[in-house]
N, C-alpha and C. Protein backbone atom coordinates (compact mmCIF):
# COMPACT_ATOMS: atom_id res chain seq x y z
N LEU A 1 82.61 92.33 131.57
CA LEU A 1 82.44 91.57 130.32
C LEU A 1 83.78 91.21 129.74
N PRO A 2 83.93 89.99 129.27
CA PRO A 2 85.18 89.63 128.60
C PRO A 2 85.11 89.92 127.10
N VAL A 3 86.22 90.27 126.52
CA VAL A 3 86.35 90.29 125.08
C VAL A 3 86.82 88.90 124.73
N ARG A 4 86.11 88.19 123.89
CA ARG A 4 86.50 86.80 123.66
C ARG A 4 86.31 86.40 122.23
N LEU A 5 87.03 85.41 121.85
CA LEU A 5 86.82 84.73 120.58
C LEU A 5 86.25 83.37 120.94
N CYS A 6 84.97 83.31 121.11
CA CYS A 6 84.19 82.10 121.40
C CYS A 6 84.69 81.23 122.55
N GLY A 7 84.35 79.93 122.47
CA GLY A 7 84.65 78.96 123.51
C GLY A 7 85.85 78.12 123.15
N ARG A 8 85.66 76.83 122.83
CA ARG A 8 86.79 75.95 122.50
C ARG A 8 86.39 74.98 121.40
N ALA A 9 87.33 74.34 120.78
CA ALA A 9 87.14 73.29 119.77
C ALA A 9 86.76 73.87 118.43
N ALA A 10 86.38 73.03 117.52
CA ALA A 10 85.99 73.46 116.19
C ALA A 10 84.84 72.55 115.75
N HIS A 11 83.91 73.09 115.00
CA HIS A 11 82.82 72.27 114.52
C HIS A 11 82.38 72.76 113.15
N ARG A 12 81.68 71.92 112.45
CA ARG A 12 81.14 72.31 111.15
C ARG A 12 79.64 72.23 111.26
N GLY A 13 78.99 73.31 110.98
CA GLY A 13 77.54 73.33 110.91
C GLY A 13 77.14 73.52 109.47
N ASP A 14 75.87 73.87 109.24
CA ASP A 14 75.38 74.06 107.90
C ASP A 14 76.10 75.19 107.20
N SER A 15 76.62 76.15 107.95
CA SER A 15 77.25 77.31 107.32
C SER A 15 78.77 77.21 107.25
N GLY A 16 79.35 76.06 107.51
CA GLY A 16 80.79 75.91 107.36
C GLY A 16 81.50 75.61 108.66
N MET A 17 82.78 75.87 108.68
CA MET A 17 83.63 75.57 109.82
C MET A 17 83.73 76.81 110.71
N THR A 18 83.33 76.66 111.95
CA THR A 18 83.46 77.75 112.89
C THR A 18 84.54 77.38 113.89
N ILE A 19 85.53 78.22 114.01
CA ILE A 19 86.62 77.98 114.95
C ILE A 19 86.25 78.60 116.28
N HIS A 20 86.36 77.79 117.32
CA HIS A 20 86.14 78.29 118.66
C HIS A 20 87.45 78.19 119.40
N GLY A 21 88.01 79.28 119.70
CA GLY A 21 89.23 79.31 120.51
C GLY A 21 88.86 80.12 121.73
N GLU A 22 89.80 80.55 122.46
CA GLU A 22 89.45 81.42 123.57
C GLU A 22 90.59 82.38 123.84
N LEU A 23 90.22 83.63 123.92
CA LEU A 23 91.15 84.68 124.30
C LEU A 23 90.30 85.63 125.12
N VAL A 24 90.45 85.59 126.41
CA VAL A 24 89.59 86.40 127.30
C VAL A 24 90.43 87.47 127.98
N ILE A 25 89.96 88.68 127.88
CA ILE A 25 90.56 89.81 128.58
C ILE A 25 89.47 90.44 129.40
N HIS A 26 89.66 90.51 130.69
CA HIS A 26 88.62 91.06 131.56
C HIS A 26 88.52 92.57 131.35
N THR A 27 87.30 93.03 131.21
CA THR A 27 87.06 94.42 130.77
C THR A 27 85.94 95.08 131.55
N GLU A 28 85.88 94.87 132.84
CA GLU A 28 84.78 95.36 133.65
C GLU A 28 84.59 96.88 133.58
N LYS A 29 85.66 97.64 133.37
CA LYS A 29 85.58 99.09 133.47
C LYS A 29 85.53 99.78 132.09
N CYS A 30 85.20 99.06 131.03
CA CYS A 30 85.24 99.61 129.68
C CYS A 30 83.84 99.92 129.16
N SER A 31 83.77 100.93 128.30
CA SER A 31 82.49 101.30 127.71
C SER A 31 82.08 100.25 126.66
N GLU A 32 80.80 100.21 126.37
CA GLU A 32 80.28 99.29 125.37
C GLU A 32 80.88 99.59 124.00
N LYS A 33 81.05 100.87 123.69
CA LYS A 33 81.64 101.28 122.40
C LYS A 33 83.07 100.77 122.27
N ALA A 34 83.85 100.89 123.34
CA ALA A 34 85.24 100.40 123.32
C ALA A 34 85.28 98.89 123.18
N LEU A 35 84.36 98.20 123.86
CA LEU A 35 84.33 96.74 123.76
C LEU A 35 83.98 96.30 122.33
N GLU A 36 83.04 96.99 121.70
CA GLU A 36 82.67 96.65 120.32
C GLU A 36 83.85 96.86 119.38
N LYS A 37 84.57 97.97 119.56
CA LYS A 37 85.72 98.27 118.73
C LYS A 37 86.82 97.20 118.94
N ALA A 38 87.02 96.81 120.20
CA ALA A 38 88.04 95.80 120.51
C ALA A 38 87.67 94.45 119.91
N GLN A 39 86.37 94.09 119.98
CA GLN A 39 85.95 92.80 119.42
C GLN A 39 86.12 92.77 117.92
N LYS A 40 85.79 93.87 117.24
CA LYS A 40 85.98 93.95 115.79
C LYS A 40 87.47 93.81 115.43
N TYR A 41 88.31 94.51 116.18
CA TYR A 41 89.75 94.42 115.96
C TYR A 41 90.21 92.97 116.12
N LEU A 42 89.78 92.33 117.21
CA LEU A 42 90.22 90.97 117.49
C LEU A 42 89.78 90.02 116.40
N ASP A 43 88.53 90.10 115.97
CA ASP A 43 88.05 89.22 114.91
C ASP A 43 88.85 89.42 113.63
N GLN A 44 89.09 90.68 113.26
CA GLN A 44 89.84 90.98 112.03
C GLN A 44 91.29 90.50 112.14
N GLU A 45 91.89 90.69 113.30
CA GLU A 45 93.29 90.25 113.48
C GLU A 45 93.39 88.72 113.46
N VAL A 46 92.43 88.03 114.02
CA VAL A 46 92.45 86.58 113.98
C VAL A 46 92.41 86.12 112.53
N ILE A 47 91.52 86.67 111.73
CA ILE A 47 91.41 86.29 110.32
C ILE A 47 92.72 86.63 109.59
N ARG A 48 93.22 87.83 109.80
CA ARG A 48 94.45 88.28 109.11
C ARG A 48 95.65 87.42 109.49
N THR A 49 95.83 87.15 110.78
CA THR A 49 97.02 86.41 111.20
C THR A 49 96.88 84.91 111.00
N CYS A 50 95.64 84.41 110.85
CA CYS A 50 95.44 82.99 110.52
C CYS A 50 95.70 82.72 109.05
N ALA A 51 95.51 83.72 108.19
CA ALA A 51 95.59 83.51 106.74
C ALA A 51 96.85 82.75 106.30
N PRO A 52 98.02 83.09 106.79
CA PRO A 52 99.22 82.35 106.33
C PRO A 52 99.27 80.89 106.80
N TYR A 53 98.38 80.52 107.71
CA TYR A 53 98.34 79.16 108.27
C TYR A 53 97.30 78.27 107.60
N VAL A 54 96.33 78.89 106.91
CA VAL A 54 95.23 78.15 106.29
C VAL A 54 95.75 77.42 105.04
N PRO A 55 95.39 76.13 104.90
CA PRO A 55 95.81 75.40 103.69
C PRO A 55 95.37 76.17 102.44
N LEU A 56 96.22 76.15 101.42
CA LEU A 56 95.97 76.96 100.22
C LEU A 56 96.03 76.11 98.97
N ASP A 57 94.95 76.15 98.23
CA ASP A 57 94.92 75.55 96.91
C ASP A 57 94.46 76.65 95.94
N THR A 58 93.17 76.95 95.96
CA THR A 58 92.65 78.02 95.10
C THR A 58 92.49 79.33 95.85
N GLY A 59 92.57 79.29 97.18
CA GLY A 59 92.39 80.49 98.00
C GLY A 59 90.96 80.63 98.54
N THR A 60 90.07 79.72 98.13
CA THR A 60 88.68 79.82 98.58
C THR A 60 88.56 79.63 100.08
N LEU A 61 89.22 78.64 100.65
CA LEU A 61 89.15 78.39 102.07
C LEU A 61 89.68 79.60 102.85
N GLU A 62 90.83 80.09 102.48
CA GLU A 62 91.42 81.23 103.16
C GLU A 62 90.49 82.45 103.06
N GLY A 63 89.97 82.74 101.87
CA GLY A 63 89.09 83.89 101.68
C GLY A 63 87.77 83.77 102.38
N SER A 64 87.33 82.53 102.63
CA SER A 64 86.03 82.36 103.29
C SER A 64 86.05 82.87 104.74
N GLY A 65 87.24 82.99 105.33
CA GLY A 65 87.32 83.55 106.68
C GLY A 65 86.77 84.96 106.74
N LYS A 66 87.15 85.78 105.76
CA LYS A 66 86.63 87.17 105.70
C LYS A 66 85.17 87.20 105.29
N LEU A 67 84.83 86.42 104.28
CA LEU A 67 83.49 86.47 103.72
C LEU A 67 82.42 85.89 104.64
N SER A 68 82.77 84.88 105.44
CA SER A 68 81.78 84.16 106.24
C SER A 68 81.68 84.59 107.68
N SER A 69 82.63 85.37 108.14
CA SER A 69 82.65 85.77 109.57
C SER A 69 81.83 87.03 109.78
N ASP A 70 81.17 87.07 110.91
CA ASP A 70 80.42 88.25 111.32
C ASP A 70 81.36 89.05 112.23
N ILE A 71 82.09 89.97 111.61
CA ILE A 71 83.11 90.73 112.34
C ILE A 71 82.46 91.50 113.48
N GLY A 72 83.00 91.31 114.66
CA GLY A 72 82.47 91.94 115.87
C GLY A 72 81.64 91.03 116.72
N SER A 73 81.34 89.84 116.21
CA SER A 73 80.50 88.89 116.94
C SER A 73 81.33 88.00 117.89
N GLY A 74 82.64 87.91 117.63
CA GLY A 74 83.48 87.02 118.43
C GLY A 74 83.57 85.62 117.84
N THR A 75 82.98 85.42 116.66
CA THR A 75 83.03 84.13 115.99
C THR A 75 83.64 84.31 114.61
N VAL A 76 84.63 83.51 114.33
CA VAL A 76 85.28 83.52 113.03
C VAL A 76 84.93 82.20 112.34
N THR A 77 84.46 82.29 111.09
CA THR A 77 83.99 81.09 110.38
C THR A 77 84.70 80.96 109.04
N TRP A 78 85.18 79.77 108.76
CA TRP A 78 85.70 79.44 107.43
C TRP A 78 84.63 78.55 106.81
N ASN A 79 84.01 79.02 105.75
CA ASN A 79 82.82 78.38 105.19
C ASN A 79 83.08 77.77 103.82
N THR A 80 83.52 76.53 103.83
CA THR A 80 83.63 75.74 102.61
C THR A 80 83.22 74.31 102.98
N PRO A 81 82.79 73.51 102.00
CA PRO A 81 82.39 72.13 102.31
C PRO A 81 83.52 71.29 102.89
N TYR A 82 84.76 71.67 102.62
CA TYR A 82 85.90 70.87 103.06
C TYR A 82 86.68 71.51 104.23
N ALA A 83 86.13 72.57 104.82
CA ALA A 83 86.86 73.28 105.86
C ALA A 83 87.16 72.40 107.06
N GLN A 84 86.19 71.63 107.52
CA GLN A 84 86.42 70.81 108.70
C GLN A 84 87.52 69.76 108.44
N LYS A 85 87.45 69.11 107.32
CA LYS A 85 88.46 68.11 107.01
C LYS A 85 89.84 68.76 106.96
N GLN A 86 89.94 69.92 106.32
CA GLN A 86 91.21 70.62 106.23
C GLN A 86 91.70 71.06 107.62
N TYR A 87 90.76 71.46 108.47
CA TYR A 87 91.16 71.91 109.82
C TYR A 87 91.81 70.76 110.60
N TYR A 88 91.21 69.59 110.51
CA TYR A 88 91.75 68.46 111.30
C TYR A 88 92.78 67.62 110.57
N GLU A 89 92.73 67.61 109.23
CA GLU A 89 93.58 66.67 108.50
C GLU A 89 94.43 67.36 107.43
N GLY A 90 94.36 68.67 107.30
CA GLY A 90 95.08 69.38 106.25
C GLY A 90 96.56 69.06 106.24
N LYS A 91 97.09 68.84 105.07
CA LYS A 91 98.52 68.55 104.95
C LYS A 91 99.30 69.84 105.10
N SER A 92 100.38 69.74 105.80
CA SER A 92 101.20 70.92 106.05
C SER A 92 102.15 71.20 104.90
N LYS A 93 102.30 72.47 104.62
CA LYS A 93 103.30 72.96 103.66
C LYS A 93 103.74 74.30 104.20
N GLY A 94 104.91 74.33 104.81
CA GLY A 94 105.35 75.53 105.51
C GLY A 94 104.45 75.78 106.71
N LEU A 95 103.96 77.02 106.84
CA LEU A 95 103.03 77.33 107.94
C LEU A 95 101.64 76.76 107.70
N ARG A 96 101.28 76.55 106.45
CA ARG A 96 99.92 76.15 106.11
C ARG A 96 99.65 74.70 106.46
N GLY A 97 98.44 74.45 107.02
CA GLY A 97 98.07 73.08 107.36
C GLY A 97 97.01 73.02 108.42
N ALA A 98 96.85 71.85 108.99
CA ALA A 98 95.79 71.58 109.96
C ALA A 98 95.89 72.50 111.19
N ARG A 99 94.75 72.65 111.83
CA ARG A 99 94.63 73.41 113.10
C ARG A 99 95.24 74.81 113.01
N TRP A 100 94.92 75.50 111.93
CA TRP A 100 95.51 76.81 111.69
C TRP A 100 95.22 77.82 112.77
N PHE A 101 94.03 77.80 113.35
CA PHE A 101 93.74 78.75 114.42
C PHE A 101 94.60 78.47 115.65
N ASP A 102 94.68 77.23 116.06
CA ASP A 102 95.47 76.88 117.25
C ASP A 102 96.93 77.29 117.08
N ARG A 103 97.47 77.07 115.88
CA ARG A 103 98.88 77.41 115.64
C ARG A 103 99.09 78.91 115.54
N ALA A 104 98.13 79.62 114.91
CA ALA A 104 98.24 81.08 114.83
C ALA A 104 98.09 81.69 116.21
N LYS A 105 97.19 81.14 117.03
CA LYS A 105 97.00 81.64 118.39
C LYS A 105 98.29 81.47 119.20
N ALA A 106 98.95 80.33 119.07
CA ALA A 106 100.19 80.10 119.78
C ALA A 106 101.23 81.14 119.41
N ASP A 107 101.23 81.55 118.15
CA ASP A 107 102.22 82.52 117.66
C ASP A 107 101.81 83.98 117.89
N HIS A 108 100.49 84.27 117.96
CA HIS A 108 100.04 85.66 117.92
C HIS A 108 99.16 86.10 119.09
N ALA A 109 98.83 85.23 120.03
CA ALA A 109 97.90 85.61 121.11
C ALA A 109 98.38 86.83 121.88
N ASP A 110 99.66 86.93 122.15
CA ASP A 110 100.15 88.12 122.88
C ASP A 110 99.92 89.39 122.07
N ASP A 111 100.14 89.32 120.77
CA ASP A 111 99.89 90.49 119.91
C ASP A 111 98.41 90.84 119.91
N TRP A 112 97.54 89.83 119.84
CA TRP A 112 96.09 90.06 119.86
C TRP A 112 95.70 90.77 121.16
N GLN A 113 96.23 90.25 122.29
CA GLN A 113 95.91 90.83 123.59
C GLN A 113 96.44 92.24 123.70
N ASP A 114 97.64 92.48 123.21
CA ASP A 114 98.21 93.82 123.26
C ASP A 114 97.38 94.81 122.45
N GLY A 115 96.91 94.39 121.28
CA GLY A 115 96.08 95.24 120.44
C GLY A 115 94.76 95.57 121.10
N VAL A 116 94.13 94.58 121.71
CA VAL A 116 92.88 94.82 122.43
C VAL A 116 93.11 95.75 123.60
N ALA A 117 94.19 95.52 124.34
CA ALA A 117 94.50 96.38 125.49
C ALA A 117 94.69 97.84 125.08
N LYS A 118 95.37 98.04 123.93
CA LYS A 118 95.58 99.39 123.43
C LYS A 118 94.23 100.08 123.15
N ILE A 119 93.35 99.37 122.51
CA ILE A 119 92.03 99.92 122.18
C ILE A 119 91.26 100.26 123.46
N LEU A 120 91.40 99.41 124.46
CA LEU A 120 90.68 99.61 125.71
C LEU A 120 91.41 100.54 126.68
N GLY A 121 92.59 100.99 126.28
CA GLY A 121 93.31 101.96 127.10
C GLY A 121 94.08 101.38 128.25
N GLY A 122 94.37 100.09 128.19
CA GLY A 122 95.09 99.45 129.30
C GLY A 122 96.34 98.74 128.83
N GLU A 123 96.90 98.02 129.71
CA GLU A 123 98.09 97.21 129.43
C GLU A 123 97.67 95.76 129.24
N HIS A 124 98.52 95.00 128.59
CA HIS A 124 98.30 93.57 128.40
C HIS A 124 97.97 92.91 129.74
N GLY A 125 96.82 92.20 129.79
CA GLY A 125 96.46 91.48 131.00
C GLY A 125 95.78 92.35 132.05
N SER A 126 95.46 93.59 131.76
CA SER A 126 94.84 94.44 132.74
C SER A 126 93.33 94.25 132.75
N ASP A 127 92.65 95.01 133.63
CA ASP A 127 91.19 94.95 133.69
C ASP A 127 90.55 96.03 132.86
N HIS A 128 91.20 96.50 131.80
CA HIS A 128 90.64 97.53 130.94
C HIS A 128 90.40 97.01 129.55
């Protein structure tokens, strides 16, 4: 089973903006309990490390990542009526701006993988 953060692209459904990226670590030899713990860690770290990249006005969009995501499901959701527009067209100011997940992933994917590997008892890129 892979530990993953969804598939690819981004879309807006009735419940807001769901970011689909992909971070797959092969985990064939891991217990279900360890996989659940690793997925929760990954979801929380994605939200935490994306926060400085999310466009900021009132903080509602940034905060919706925590409030709208089902931690442990592998799906992170930013749920505001304007989330999709901000994701694709958000104006940049420092780190904050469009495509926040893609940019945070480019900067933090190795850290995410290392954290998951630690939880699963292996090294970065291993089968644990």
